[in-house]
Amino acid sequence: VRWEFKFPTPFLRTREFLWQEGHTAHASYEDAQEMVMAILNLYKNVYQDLLCVPVVPGYKTEKEKFAGGYQTTTVEAYIAGSGRAIQGATSHNLGQNFGKMFDIKYQDEKGDTQVAWQTSWGLTTRTIGVMVMVHGDDKGLVMPPRVSPVQVVIVSVISKKLTAETADPYCQKILADLQSQGVRAKYDDRTMYNPGWKYNHWEQKGVPIRIEVGPMDIEKNSVRIAVRHDGSKEDLPVEGLGAVIKNKLEEIQTTMFEKAKKARDEHLVKITQWEEFVPALEKNNLVLAPWCDPKDIESEEMVKTKSREESLKNAGLEGEDDRTATSVAAKTLCIPFDQPELPEGTKCFATGKPATCWVLWGRSY
């Protein structure tokens, strides 16, 4: 339960949510940091390898880090449909603050009492919301094959030319072949619904591949497959179909990630002057900008306030509801681990002070 919670955003921020959380204690900063980075990489893999959602890993600024902690790392995702960023998951190096406050100590090899270095990390059902928004379309869900409960659905086109008695053995044979390859497949043999209704039903659920079996397919000993994420169709022979579909699912997994990454990268821009900042945000971009000091909370708050004011003015609005989950204000997303070269003498885009790093900014949920 999120006790400090005020205003809900379905899927993304709710009072109650399912949470994978971990806490560890270590003898040194280095040991704790190794755990922090291992878990962050795990979260990165959940998004990229399972959900086909590209993320930017990095450190949070002082203003955005976990309160009381030493350092926060994050993976940040991008929702192309809204042009907004969203925090995917965090992994915190809590330092020794909480150990001192709550008397969390251990005995070292010399028998001396030491304060533990702690970590904390978590991933929530927000991942589902992010996946839905990144891949979904007007027809419904679009599921990445690796996480789809049903990867392939078989639908027979029953008509006067093709009876269930003829179609069922044919489809059951295909189902067995798919399952022998480890494919999570289902034969929809319900008789109360017509093929069109079934197509729509499984499209809404985002099943990656639909296999259609009509009278002509049986005559040719073939099937027609329809791919959910791009709508493409292809006729394939039944012989060896299981192995072909297994490879096709991996191909879909790769293509979905590349499509999402392309959409993200097309909206990732680099700027060096304030004058470029708000216009870039207005184009639904993530903005990489030179920044003076990740610990400068006051300047970061200034950017948030000033960007909100400029955006509202451009839109002809006087203000925005404090409860909104979609503020027009910019905020820091992270200091990316992968830092572009920062030429000597580069100034902070907002304060004019010497820049020390590149920071990723955006409008966020």
Foldseek 3Di string as FASTA:
>chain_A
DQVVDDFDDPLADDRDWDKDKDKDWADDLVVLVVVLVVVQVVLQCCCCVFLLWHWFKFWAFPQPADPQADTKIWTKTAQLVVLAIATFWMKTFRAQRVCVVVVQWDQDPVRDIDGIGMMMIMGISSSVVSSQRLQPDPLAGAGQQNPQLAQEEEEEQDDPLHHCVRVVVLVVVLVVLQVVLVHRYYYPPDDVDGRVVVVSVVLNSNRQKYWYHYNVCVVVQWIKIAGNRPRDIDIGHSVVVNVVVVVVSVVSSVVSSVVSVVSQVVQEEEDQAPVVPLVSQVVSHKYKYFAAHSHCPVQQVVQQVVSQVVVCVVVVHDHDDPNDPFGSGKHWDHQGPDFDDDDPPRAGNRPRHGGDGITIMHGHD
